[in-house]
Amino acid sequence: MTTLSQSSMVAVLIAFVAYLAFMIVIGAVCMRQTKSTEDYFLGGRGLNGWVAALSAQASDMSGWLLMGLPGSIYALGTGQAWVAIGLFLGTVCNWLIIAKRLRRYTIVANNSMTLPEFFENRFQDKRKILLSICSIVIVIFFLVYTASALASGGKLFNTVFGIDYHIALAIGAAVILVYTFMGGFLAVCTTDFIQGLLMLIGLLTVPIMAYAFVSGNFANNIQDTLADGGSYHHYMSLFYNGEQPYTFVQILSQLAWGLGYCGMPHILVRFMAIKNEKEIKKSSAVAIVWCGLSLVAAWCIGVVGRAYLSPNVLEDGKTESVFIELIQRVFTHNVAVPFIGGIFLCGILAAIMSTADSQLLVCASSVSKDIYKNIVKKDASDKKVLMVSRITVIAVACLAFVIAWNPKSSIMGLVSDAWAGLGSAFGPAVVLSLFWKRANLPGTVAGIVTGGATVLIWDYIPLVHGQTIAVATGLYSLLVGFILSMIVNVIVSLCTKAPDKAITDAFEKVNNYTE
């Protein structure tokens, strides 16, 4: 590991403090503009295309993009890029197919502000069944998702400053809490926009500089780091997982990550908040380009890191710190500008914060708007709902802090579980509710329950000789959960009463919607 000198440490620390202070100032400014629940949860539906695009992608990729993905590629080779390919395809489909229609439908469906509220209004669920189920699913899986972001922050501070992991965990959680608590959706999107730019600059700049310092020994350097019998050609092949050829099931499972996009509440809420449909076209182009460049750059970090850090090899949980190691060595050993290195390290912190803040806000909206306002106390004032939202942000952050307490917890593993749960539960429900006129309440409820339950059973219950089904089969739970959820949703919808005329009329209104 690269050890910073005292002067370099001070320069990096100044960069971190300046960056974190700037984020908190944004939260304070946005707090003055947040006067209602629509402002707090959707920013008054006033996002421009650039902010919507970059905040959606920044909140999507998280520390996984700068730590989880490069770490897995560093450890096992180019074959780990199948996840990135699946995510890119999912991003394209989400922006080009889901975004515009979801924005239209949430406006037609009584100006819905959250995904559970959209489902309730879409199917005119008077008994609040969907609100309750969706809120439970969101809280369960977003706790795990938020924990992955906090764990990323803990590992970042621990690696850079040598701070105890648990203290580092508390520092990162505290800053995210402050500006999310104060400014809500507008603060989250504004900070995510800045963080998205910083992430992209760091992703593109650092691997290019590191590659320049490898001095033409790229292949030899990688070969020197591989265990006896390891092959550079296997390492660089898309069809090898380490030294083992990929199976069809493994490739399919990694591509299946792309299915999760249409069920991610923290991404979908950006579509609801965009100012108008013209801005959606701009957002789509920006988001797709950002996603493609970022994923390719993350792949480069893993591969270039293997060559650049040679002959040293990061092992076990340290592989997810490869980008941190690259930045530290480049900007303290090759180019003596540690403050700039500190700014790029803030790019990793940006990735972490941009996801954690969005997840906290979605949990807050589910508890305060969907449960408290719509079920527990229907006559609650906006001021009361805002208060409950902010209390929820604190409570969820504390629970996620507990889940992330183990310093050996895998960022990739935590994200994988949460992504599968949300994608399986909500993905098919979103697609069918937007594009299938015959979709109804019983089918949607059955599909959401099936998707979420499948992931919990598949990933957490050891049913096969003491192993979970996921470990025994190697098949990603998202693929299984998504397919089962879709099938159950369609079958139950067809076997139960067709939607009322008011529901189908709203569907047709969306088809003919104009602004």
Protein backbone atom coordinates (compact mmCIF):
# COMPACT_ATOMS: atom_id res chain seq x y z
CA MET A 1 0.00 0.00 0.00
CA THR A 2 1.09 3.57 -0.74
CA THR A 3 1.94 5.54 2.41
CA LEU A 4 1.52 9.30 2.28
CA SER A 5 4.09 11.67 3.77
CA GLN A 6 2.93 14.10 6.43
CA SER A 7 2.87 17.05 3.99
CA SER A 8 0.95 15.02 1.39
CA MET A 9 -1.50 13.91 4.07
CA VAL A 10 -2.14 17.54 5.05
CA ALA A 11 -2.75 18.55 1.41
CA VAL A 12 -5.19 15.66 0.88
CA LEU A 13 -6.95 16.46 4.15
CA ILE A 14 -7.41 20.11 3.10
CA ALA A 15 -8.95 18.95 -0.19
CA PHE A 16 -11.37 16.66 1.69
CA VAL A 17 -12.40 19.30 4.21
CA ALA A 18 -12.97 21.89 1.46
CA TYR A 19 -15.05 19.46 -0.56
CA LEU A 20 -17.19 18.30 2.36
CA ALA A 21 -17.76 21.88 3.50
CA PHE A 22 -18.91 22.80 -0.01
CA MET A 23 -21.47 19.97 0.01
CA ILE A 24 -22.86 21.16 3.35
CA VAL A 25 -23.13 24.75 2.08
CA ILE A 26 -25.20 23.45 -0.87
CA GLY A 27 -27.49 21.69 1.60
CA ALA A 28 -27.97 24.91 3.57
CA VAL A 29 -28.75 26.94 0.43
CA CYS A 30 -31.22 24.34 -0.83
CA MET A 31 -32.91 24.20 2.57
CA ARG A 32 -34.05 27.79 2.05
CA GLN A 33 -35.73 26.77 -1.22
CA THR A 34 -37.43 23.70 0.26
CA LYS A 35 -40.86 24.81 1.42
CA SER A 36 -43.11 21.79 0.70
CA THR A 37 -43.02 18.02 0.40
CA GLU A 38 -42.99 18.29 -3.41
CA ASP A 39 -39.90 20.48 -3.12
CA TYR A 40 -38.29 18.05 -0.66
CA PHE A 41 -38.98 14.88 -2.67
CA LEU A 42 -39.07 16.11 -6.30
CA GLY A 43 -37.50 19.57 -6.29
CA GLY A 44 -40.81 21.00 -7.54
CA ARG A 45 -40.44 19.01 -10.81
CA GLY A 46 -37.96 21.62 -12.00
CA LEU A 47 -34.79 19.70 -12.83
CA ASN A 48 -33.00 20.65 -16.03
CA GLY A 49 -31.60 18.01 -18.35
CA TRP A 50 -27.97 18.15 -17.23
CA VAL A 51 -28.74 17.99 -13.50
CA ALA A 52 -31.28 15.19 -13.97
CA ALA A 53 -28.90 13.12 -16.09
CA LEU A 54 -25.77 13.45 -13.99
CA SER A 55 -27.59 13.16 -10.66
CA ALA A 56 -29.38 10.01 -11.85
CA GLN A 57 -26.15 8.39 -13.04
CA ALA A 58 -24.10 9.51 -10.05
CA SER A 59 -26.73 8.19 -7.63
CA ASP A 60 -26.87 4.97 -9.67
CA MET A 61 -23.20 4.03 -9.84
CA SER A 62 -22.08 4.76 -6.26
CA GLY A 63 -18.81 3.59 -4.74
CA TRP A 64 -19.37 0.41 -6.72
CA LEU A 65 -18.21 2.18 -9.90
CA LEU A 66 -14.93 3.42 -8.42
CA MET A 67 -14.23 0.62 -5.94
CA GLY A 68 -16.35 -2.50 -6.50
CA LEU A 69 -16.06 -2.86 -10.30
CA PRO A 70 -12.36 -1.87 -10.63
CA GLY A 71 -11.58 -4.16 -7.69
CA SER A 72 -13.22 -7.20 -9.28
CA ILE A 73 -11.53 -6.51 -12.65
CA TYR A 74 -8.18 -5.97 -10.90
CA ALA A 75 -8.53 -9.31 -9.11
CA LEU A 76 -10.02 -11.53 -11.85
CA GLY A 77 -9.52 -9.76 -15.17
CA THR A 78 -11.44 -8.26 -18.06
CA GLY A 79 -14.16 -10.92 -17.89
CA GLN A 80 -15.71 -9.06 -14.96
CA ALA A 81 -16.74 -6.38 -17.48
CA TRP A 82 -19.89 -8.34 -18.39
CA VAL A 83 -21.58 -6.60 -15.44
CA ALA A 84 -20.63 -3.22 -16.93
CA ILE A 85 -21.96 -4.26 -20.36
CA GLY A 86 -25.27 -5.29 -18.80
CA LEU A 87 -25.51 -2.03 -16.87
CA PHE A 88 -24.82 0.05 -19.96
CA LEU A 89 -27.57 -1.73 -21.92
CA GLY A 90 -29.91 -1.27 -18.95
CA THR A 91 -29.12 2.45 -18.75
CA VAL A 92 -29.87 2.95 -22.45
CA CYS A 93 -33.22 1.14 -22.21
CA ASN A 94 -34.17 2.95 -19.01
CA TRP A 95 -33.64 6.44 -20.47
CA LEU A 96 -35.04 5.73 -23.93
CA ILE A 97 -38.04 3.58 -22.96
CA ILE A 98 -39.01 4.21 -19.32
CA ALA A 99 -38.16 7.86 -18.60
CA LYS A 100 -40.65 9.81 -20.72
CA ARG A 101 -43.63 7.54 -20.08
CA LEU A 102 -43.00 7.37 -16.33
CA ARG A 103 -42.88 11.16 -16.08
CA ARG A 104 -46.15 11.43 -18.02
CA TYR A 105 -47.87 8.74 -15.98
CA THR A 106 -46.86 10.13 -12.58
CA ILE A 107 -48.38 13.49 -13.57
CA VAL A 108 -51.60 11.90 -14.86
CA ALA A 109 -51.73 9.62 -11.79
CA ASN A 110 -52.58 12.45 -9.41
CA ASN A 111 -49.11 14.05 -9.51
CA SER A 112 -47.43 11.07 -7.80
CA MET A 113 -44.19 11.96 -6.00
CA THR A 114 -42.84 8.51 -5.09
CA LEU A 115 -42.83 5.12 -6.77
CA PRO A 116 -45.21 3.53 -4.20
CA GLU A 117 -47.57 6.49 -4.57
CA PHE A 118 -47.48 6.06 -8.36
CA PHE A 119 -48.48 2.40 -8.02
CA GLU A 120 -51.30 3.34 -5.64
CA ASN A 121 -52.68 6.02 -7.98
CA ARG A 122 -52.09 3.95 -11.13
CA PHE A 123 -54.27 1.10 -9.80
CA GLN A 124 -56.53 3.23 -7.56
CA ASP A 125 -55.60 1.19 -4.52
CA LYS A 126 -58.02 2.50 -1.90
CA ARG A 127 -56.87 -0.01 0.74
CA LYS A 128 -53.23 1.15 0.58
CA ILE A 129 -51.98 -2.41 0.00
CA LEU A 130 -49.39 -1.38 -2.57
CA LEU A 131 -48.18 1.54 -0.49
CA SER A 132 -47.52 -0.74 2.48
CA ILE A 133 -45.81 -3.52 0.52
CA CYS A 134 -43.66 -1.18 -1.58
CA SER A 135 -42.55 0.80 1.45
CA ILE A 136 -41.48 -2.37 3.27
CA VAL A 137 -39.50 -3.60 0.24
CA ILE A 138 -37.82 -0.20 -0.16
CA VAL A 139 -36.78 0.05 3.48
CA ILE A 140 -35.42 -3.54 3.60
CA PHE A 141 -33.28 -3.38 0.47
CA PHE A 142 -32.28 0.27 0.73
CA LEU A 143 -30.90 -0.40 4.19
CA VAL A 144 -28.49 -2.86 2.58
CA TYR A 145 -27.81 -0.47 -0.31
CA THR A 146 -27.09 2.46 1.99
CA ALA A 147 -24.84 0.21 4.07
CA SER A 148 -22.76 -0.50 0.95
CA ALA A 149 -22.23 3.22 0.42
CA LEU A 150 -21.28 3.82 4.05
CA ALA A 151 -18.87 0.85 3.91
CA SER A 152 -17.25 2.41 0.83
CA GLY A 153 -16.76 5.65 2.73
CA GLY A 154 -15.27 3.84 5.71
CA LYS A 155 -12.78 2.00 3.50
CA LEU A 156 -11.84 5.22 1.70
CA PHE A 157 -11.02 7.17 4.87
CA ASN A 158 -9.33 4.13 6.41
CA THR A 159 -7.07 3.60 3.36
CA VAL A 160 -6.18 7.26 2.78
CA PHE A 161 -5.78 8.57 6.33
CA GLY A 162 -5.25 5.39 8.33
CA ILE A 163 -8.28 6.28 10.45
CA ASP A 164 -9.97 3.39 12.22
CA TYR A 165 -12.64 1.99 9.90
CA HIS A 166 -15.46 2.55 12.38
CA ILE A 167 -14.52 6.19 13.00
CA ALA A 168 -14.21 6.70 9.23
CA LEU A 169 -17.66 5.15 8.81
CA ALA A 170 -19.12 7.67 11.26
CA ILE A 171 -17.49 10.68 9.52
CA GLY A 172 -18.85 9.78 6.08
CA ALA A 173 -22.32 9.05 7.43
CA ALA A 174 -22.44 12.33 9.34
CA VAL A 175 -21.69 14.53 6.30
CA ILE A 176 -24.20 12.74 4.07
CA LEU A 177 -26.79 13.08 6.81
CA VAL A 178 -26.28 16.82 7.19
CA TYR A 179 -26.97 17.95 3.62
CA THR A 180 -29.66 15.34 2.92
CA PHE A 181 -31.43 16.28 6.16
CA MET A 182 -31.35 19.98 5.32
CA GLY A 183 -31.99 20.31 1.61
CA GLY A 184 -33.84 17.18 0.48
CA PHE A 185 -34.14 16.35 -3.21
CA LEU A 186 -32.82 19.67 -4.54
CA ALA A 187 -29.69 19.42 -2.39
CA VAL A 188 -29.22 15.79 -3.35
CA CYS A 189 -29.54 16.48 -7.09
CA THR A 190 -27.35 19.59 -7.00
CA THR A 191 -24.59 17.82 -5.10
CA ASP A 192 -24.97 14.73 -7.30
CA PHE A 193 -24.53 16.90 -10.41
CA ILE A 194 -21.21 18.21 -9.06
CA GLN A 195 -20.23 14.76 -7.87
CA GLY A 196 -21.06 13.24 -11.27
CA LEU A 197 -18.71 15.69 -13.00
CA LEU A 198 -15.95 15.05 -10.47
CA MET A 199 -16.34 11.29 -10.80
CA LEU A 200 -16.07 11.44 -14.59
CA ILE A 201 -12.99 13.69 -14.54
CA GLY A 202 -11.24 11.39 -12.08
CA LEU A 203 -12.22 8.24 -13.97
CA LEU A 204 -10.83 9.58 -17.24
CA THR A 205 -7.70 11.30 -15.96
CA VAL A 206 -6.13 8.92 -13.45
CA PRO A 207 -5.89 5.70 -15.54
CA ILE A 208 -4.49 7.65 -18.51
CA MET A 209 -1.76 9.14 -16.31
CA ALA A 210 -1.02 5.79 -14.67
CA TYR A 211 -0.77 4.08 -18.06
CA ALA A 212 1.75 6.70 -19.20
CA PHE A 213 4.00 5.79 -16.26
CA VAL A 214 3.94 2.04 -16.98
CA SER A 215 6.66 2.76 -19.59
CA GLY A 216 5.67 0.26 -22.25
CA ASN A 217 5.85 -2.77 -19.94
CA PHE A 218 2.10 -3.20 -19.65
CA ALA A 219 1.77 -6.91 -20.54
CA ASN A 220 4.92 -7.96 -18.70
CA ASN A 221 3.90 -6.06 -15.57
CA ILE A 222 0.53 -7.79 -15.45
CA GLN A 223 2.10 -11.20 -16.09
CA ASP A 224 4.48 -10.65 -13.18
CA THR A 225 1.55 -10.20 -10.80
CA LEU A 226 -0.28 -13.38 -11.79
CA ALA A 227 0.10 -16.57 -9.81
CA ASP A 228 2.05 -19.50 -11.28
CA GLY A 229 0.16 -20.74 -14.32
CA GLY A 230 -1.70 -17.48 -14.70
CA SER A 231 -1.98 -16.17 -18.24
CA TYR A 232 -1.98 -12.55 -19.40
CA HIS A 233 -4.20 -13.57 -22.33
CA HIS A 234 -6.74 -15.14 -19.99
CA TYR A 235 -6.61 -12.04 -17.76
CA MET A 236 -7.40 -9.80 -20.73
CA SER A 237 -10.11 -12.05 -22.19
CA LEU A 238 -13.82 -11.32 -21.81
CA PHE A 239 -14.46 -15.05 -21.70
CA TYR A 240 -12.34 -15.96 -18.68
CA ASN A 241 -13.23 -15.52 -15.03
CA GLY A 242 -9.77 -15.53 -13.50
CA GLU A 243 -8.18 -18.66 -14.94
CA GLN A 244 -11.50 -20.44 -15.52
CA PRO A 245 -13.52 -20.13 -18.76
CA TYR A 246 -16.83 -18.35 -18.28
CA THR A 247 -19.95 -20.47 -18.43
CA PHE A 248 -23.09 -19.29 -20.20
CA VAL A 249 -24.86 -19.03 -16.83
CA GLN A 250 -22.14 -16.74 -15.44
CA ILE A 251 -22.24 -14.40 -18.45
CA LEU A 252 -26.04 -14.33 -18.40
CA SER A 253 -26.04 -13.57 -14.67
CA GLN A 254 -23.68 -10.63 -15.09
CA LEU A 255 -25.61 -9.21 -18.05
CA ALA A 256 -28.78 -9.52 -15.95
CA TRP A 257 -27.60 -6.60 -13.80
CA GLY A 258 -29.08 -4.37 -16.50
CA LEU A 259 -32.60 -5.57 -15.63
CA GLY A 260 -32.39 -3.81 -12.30
CA TYR A 261 -32.61 -0.28 -13.71
CA CYS A 262 -36.33 -0.18 -14.31
CA GLY A 263 -36.95 -0.98 -10.65
CA MET A 264 -34.63 1.46 -8.89
CA PRO A 265 -36.71 4.10 -7.02
CA HIS A 266 -33.75 6.48 -6.52
CA ILE A 267 -33.16 6.57 -10.30
CA LEU A 268 -36.81 6.56 -11.39
CA VAL A 269 -37.59 9.55 -9.17
CA ARG A 270 -35.26 11.64 -11.35
CA PHE A 271 -37.46 10.89 -14.35
CA MET A 272 -40.49 12.13 -12.42
CA ALA A 273 -38.72 15.37 -11.49
CA ILE A 274 -37.47 16.50 -14.93
CA LYS A 275 -38.84 19.89 -15.98
CA ASN A 276 -40.36 18.83 -19.33
CA GLU A 277 -40.11 16.24 -22.09
CA LYS A 278 -37.68 18.34 -24.09
CA GLU A 279 -35.26 18.12 -21.18
CA ILE A 280 -35.67 14.33 -21.14
CA LYS A 281 -34.12 14.09 -24.62
CA LYS A 282 -31.13 16.09 -23.44
CA SER A 283 -30.88 14.08 -20.24
CA SER A 284 -30.93 10.78 -22.15
CA ALA A 285 -27.99 11.74 -24.33
CA VAL A 286 -25.95 13.09 -21.41
CA ALA A 287 -26.69 10.09 -19.19
CA ILE A 288 -25.89 7.46 -21.82
CA VAL A 289 -22.58 9.13 -22.78
CA TRP A 290 -21.63 9.56 -19.09
CA CYS A 291 -22.46 5.93 -18.35
CA GLY A 292 -20.48 4.56 -21.30
CA LEU A 293 -17.39 6.64 -20.58
CA SER A 294 -17.50 5.89 -16.85
CA LEU A 295 -17.84 2.13 -17.23
CA VAL A 296 -15.01 1.93 -19.76
CA ALA A 297 -12.82 4.08 -17.49
CA ALA A 298 -13.63 1.87 -14.46
CA TRP A 299 -12.51 -1.16 -16.49
CA CYS A 300 -9.29 0.70 -17.35
CA ILE A 301 -8.65 1.44 -13.66
CA GLY A 302 -8.76 -2.27 -12.81
CA VAL A 303 -6.51 -3.38 -15.68
CA VAL A 304 -4.08 -0.44 -15.62
CA GLY A 305 -3.91 -0.70 -11.83
CA ARG A 306 -2.68 -4.29 -12.15
CA ALA A 307 0.17 -3.18 -14.41
CA TYR A 308 0.99 0.11 -12.66
CA LEU A 309 1.16 -1.28 -9.10
CA SER A 310 3.25 -4.29 -10.22
CA PRO A 311 5.02 -6.20 -8.74
CA ASN A 312 2.89 -5.52 -5.66
CA VAL A 313 -0.49 -7.24 -5.60
CA LEU A 314 -3.53 -6.10 -3.63
CA GLU A 315 -5.23 -9.10 -2.05
CA ASP A 316 -8.43 -10.01 -0.23
CA GLY A 317 -10.51 -6.93 0.69
CA LYS A 318 -7.75 -4.56 -0.48
CA THR A 319 -8.53 -5.11 -4.18
CA GLU A 320 -11.45 -2.66 -3.91
CA SER A 321 -8.94 0.07 -3.01
CA VAL A 322 -7.10 -0.12 -6.35
CA PHE A 323 -8.31 3.32 -7.53
CA ILE A 324 -7.28 4.88 -4.23
CA GLU A 325 -3.82 3.32 -4.57
CA LEU A 326 -3.50 4.60 -8.15
CA ILE A 327 -4.37 8.17 -7.16
CA GLN A 328 -2.04 8.19 -4.17
CA ARG A 329 0.95 6.85 -6.07
CA VAL A 330 0.46 8.98 -9.20
CA PHE A 331 0.05 12.25 -7.31
CA THR A 332 2.69 11.70 -4.64
CA HIS A 333 5.37 9.65 -6.44
CA ASN A 334 5.12 10.51 -10.15
CA VAL A 335 3.53 13.96 -10.01
CA ALA A 336 4.08 15.80 -6.73
CA VAL A 337 0.70 17.55 -6.43
CA PRO A 338 -1.01 15.79 -3.52
CA PHE A 339 -3.78 18.42 -3.32
CA ILE A 340 -4.92 17.46 -6.84
CA GLY A 341 -4.73 13.84 -5.77
CA GLY A 342 -6.94 14.76 -2.83
CA ILE A 343 -9.50 16.28 -5.20
CA PHE A 344 -9.57 13.05 -7.23
CA LEU A 345 -9.94 11.04 -4.04
CA CYS A 346 -12.94 13.26 -3.37
CA GLY A 347 -14.30 11.84 -6.63
CA ILE A 348 -14.53 8.47 -4.89
CA LEU A 349 -16.17 10.13 -1.92
CA ALA A 350 -18.53 11.81 -4.40
CA ALA A 351 -19.57 8.45 -5.82
CA ILE A 352 -20.27 7.15 -2.34
CA MET A 353 -22.19 10.21 -1.19
CA SER A 354 -24.23 10.55 -4.38
CA THR A 355 -25.80 7.15 -3.86
CA ALA A 356 -26.18 7.19 -0.10
CA ASP A 357 -28.01 10.55 -0.11
CA SER A 358 -30.47 9.36 -2.77
CA GLN A 359 -31.15 6.14 -0.90
CA LEU A 360 -31.75 7.98 2.35
CA LEU A 361 -34.19 10.30 0.59
CA VAL A 362 -36.15 7.43 -1.00
CA CYS A 363 -36.44 5.69 2.38
CA ALA A 364 -37.56 8.96 3.94
CA SER A 365 -40.23 9.47 1.29
CA SER A 366 -41.53 5.91 1.73
CA VAL A 367 -41.88 6.24 5.48
CA SER A 368 -43.12 9.83 5.74
CA LYS A 369 -45.19 10.25 2.58
CA ASP A 370 -46.33 6.71 1.81
CA ILE A 371 -46.80 5.31 5.31
CA TYR A 372 -47.20 8.27 7.70
CA LYS A 373 -49.11 10.69 5.46
CA ASN A 374 -51.15 8.21 3.41
CA ILE A 375 -51.83 5.51 6.00
CA VAL A 376 -51.15 6.56 9.60
CA LYS A 377 -52.15 10.26 9.67
CA LYS A 378 -53.90 11.36 6.50
CA ASP A 379 -54.48 14.92 7.74
CA ALA A 380 -50.80 15.51 8.57
CA SER A 381 -49.53 18.93 7.52
CA ASP A 382 -46.65 19.42 5.09
CA LYS A 383 -44.53 20.66 7.98
CA LYS A 384 -45.21 17.49 9.97
CA VAL A 385 -44.42 15.24 6.99
CA LEU A 386 -41.12 17.09 6.44
CA MET A 387 -40.24 16.55 10.07
CA VAL A 388 -40.98 12.82 9.85
CA SER A 389 -38.90 12.67 6.65
CA ARG A 390 -35.89 14.15 8.35
CA ILE A 391 -36.25 11.87 11.38
CA THR A 392 -36.43 8.89 8.99
CA VAL A 393 -33.21 9.99 7.26
CA ILE A 394 -31.43 9.84 10.63
CA ALA A 395 -32.96 6.48 11.61
CA VAL A 396 -32.16 4.77 8.31
CA ALA A 397 -28.59 6.09 8.34
CA CYS A 398 -28.09 4.69 11.83
CA LEU A 399 -29.39 1.24 10.86
CA ALA A 400 -27.25 1.19 7.70
CA PHE A 401 -24.29 2.19 9.88
CA VAL A 402 -24.85 -0.95 11.97
CA ILE A 403 -25.07 -3.18 8.86
CA ALA A 404 -21.81 -1.69 7.50
CA TRP A 405 -19.99 -2.10 10.83
CA ASN A 406 -17.92 -5.11 9.67
CA PRO A 407 -14.80 -3.74 7.89
CA LYS A 408 -14.56 -6.96 5.84
CA SER A 409 -17.99 -6.47 4.29
CA SER A 410 -17.83 -6.57 0.47
CA ILE A 411 -19.08 -3.48 -1.36
CA MET A 412 -19.77 -5.59 -4.43
CA GLY A 413 -21.71 -8.16 -2.40
CA LEU A 414 -23.90 -5.61 -0.58
CA VAL A 415 -24.73 -3.76 -3.81
CA SER A 416 -25.47 -7.03 -5.61
CA ASP A 417 -28.03 -8.10 -3.00
CA ALA A 418 -29.79 -4.73 -2.83
CA TRP A 419 -29.81 -4.28 -6.60
CA ALA A 420 -31.34 -7.73 -7.08
CA GLY A 421 -34.05 -7.16 -4.49
CA LEU A 422 -35.21 -3.79 -5.80
CA GLY A 423 -34.93 -4.79 -9.47
CA SER A 424 -36.87 -8.03 -9.01
CA ALA A 425 -39.62 -6.50 -6.90
CA PHE A 426 -40.24 -3.27 -8.81
CA GLY A 427 -38.81 -3.76 -12.30
CA PRO A 428 -41.58 -5.94 -13.80
CA ALA A 429 -44.24 -3.91 -11.95
CA VAL A 430 -42.96 -0.65 -13.45
CA VAL A 431 -42.73 -2.04 -16.99
CA LEU A 432 -46.19 -3.63 -16.94
CA SER A 433 -47.89 -0.68 -15.23
CA LEU A 434 -46.50 1.71 -17.84
CA PHE A 435 -47.05 -0.33 -20.99
CA TRP A 436 -49.74 -2.98 -20.34
CA LYS A 437 -53.32 -1.76 -20.17
CA ARG A 438 -54.54 -5.02 -18.62
CA ALA A 439 -52.19 -4.82 -15.61
CA ASN A 440 -54.17 -4.70 -12.37
CA LEU A 441 -53.76 -4.38 -8.60
CA PRO A 442 -53.72 -8.11 -7.62
CA GLY A 443 -51.17 -8.90 -10.33
CA THR A 444 -48.88 -6.04 -9.29
CA VAL A 445 -49.05 -6.99 -5.60
CA ALA A 446 -48.32 -10.66 -6.41
CA GLY A 447 -45.44 -9.71 -8.69
CA ILE A 448 -43.76 -7.38 -6.18
CA VAL A 449 -44.01 -9.93 -3.37
CA THR A 450 -42.74 -12.73 -5.62
CA GLY A 451 -39.74 -10.73 -6.83
CA GLY A 452 -38.63 -9.57 -3.40
CA ALA A 453 -39.21 -12.95 -1.74
CA THR A 454 -37.33 -14.80 -4.48
CA VAL A 455 -34.19 -12.72 -3.89
CA LEU A 456 -34.34 -13.17 -0.11
CA ILE A 457 -34.76 -16.95 -0.47
CA TRP A 458 -32.20 -17.27 -3.27
CA ASP A 459 -29.45 -15.21 -1.62
CA TYR A 460 -29.91 -15.72 2.11
CA ILE A 461 -31.43 -19.13 2.95
CA PRO A 462 -29.04 -22.14 2.75
CA LEU A 463 -31.30 -24.69 1.07
CA VAL A 464 -28.73 -26.72 -0.92
CA HIS A 465 -26.35 -28.75 1.29
CA GLY A 466 -25.77 -25.80 3.57
CA GLN A 467 -25.36 -23.37 0.67
CA THR A 468 -27.67 -20.75 -0.70
CA ILE A 469 -29.17 -21.40 -4.12
CA ALA A 470 -27.14 -18.47 -5.47
CA VAL A 471 -23.85 -20.09 -4.45
CA ALA A 472 -24.92 -23.58 -5.55
CA THR A 473 -26.07 -22.55 -9.04
CA GLY A 474 -24.00 -19.44 -9.76
CA LEU A 475 -27.16 -17.82 -11.13
CA TYR A 476 -27.80 -14.21 -10.12
CA SER A 477 -30.99 -13.85 -8.09
CA LEU A 478 -32.05 -10.75 -10.08
CA LEU A 479 -32.49 -12.80 -13.26
CA VAL A 480 -34.60 -15.42 -11.51
CA GLY A 481 -36.57 -12.92 -9.42
CA PHE A 482 -37.30 -10.63 -12.38
CA ILE A 483 -38.59 -13.46 -14.59
CA LEU A 484 -40.73 -15.03 -11.84
CA SER A 485 -42.12 -11.63 -10.83
CA MET A 486 -43.07 -10.85 -14.44
CA ILE A 487 -44.73 -14.24 -14.98
CA VAL A 488 -46.69 -14.12 -11.72
CA ASN A 489 -47.79 -10.53 -12.39
CA VAL A 490 -49.14 -11.40 -15.84
CA ILE A 491 -50.85 -14.64 -14.76
CA VAL A 492 -52.55 -13.14 -11.70
CA SER A 493 -53.64 -10.06 -13.69
CA LEU A 494 -55.25 -12.24 -16.37
CA CYS A 495 -56.94 -14.49 -13.79
CA THR A 496 -58.48 -11.63 -11.81
CA LYS A 497 -60.89 -8.82 -12.59
CA ALA A 498 -59.91 -6.44 -15.40
CA PRO A 499 -59.10 -2.83 -14.43
CA ASP A 500 -62.00 -0.39 -14.06
CA LYS A 501 -62.81 2.06 -16.83
CA ALA A 502 -61.31 4.96 -14.86
CA ILE A 503 -57.97 3.15 -14.77
CA THR A 504 -57.96 2.31 -18.48
CA ASP A 505 -59.05 5.87 -19.32
CA ALA A 506 -56.01 7.17 -17.44
CA PHE A 507 -53.84 4.76 -19.42
CA GLU A 508 -55.22 6.19 -22.69
CA LYS A 509 -54.72 9.72 -21.38
CA VAL A 510 -51.03 8.97 -20.96
CA ASN A 511 -50.92 7.68 -24.56
CA ASN A 512 -52.32 11.02 -25.76
CA TYR A 513 -50.52 13.23 -23.24
CA THR A 514 -49.11 16.57 -24.41
CA GLU A 515 -47.39 19.40 -22.54
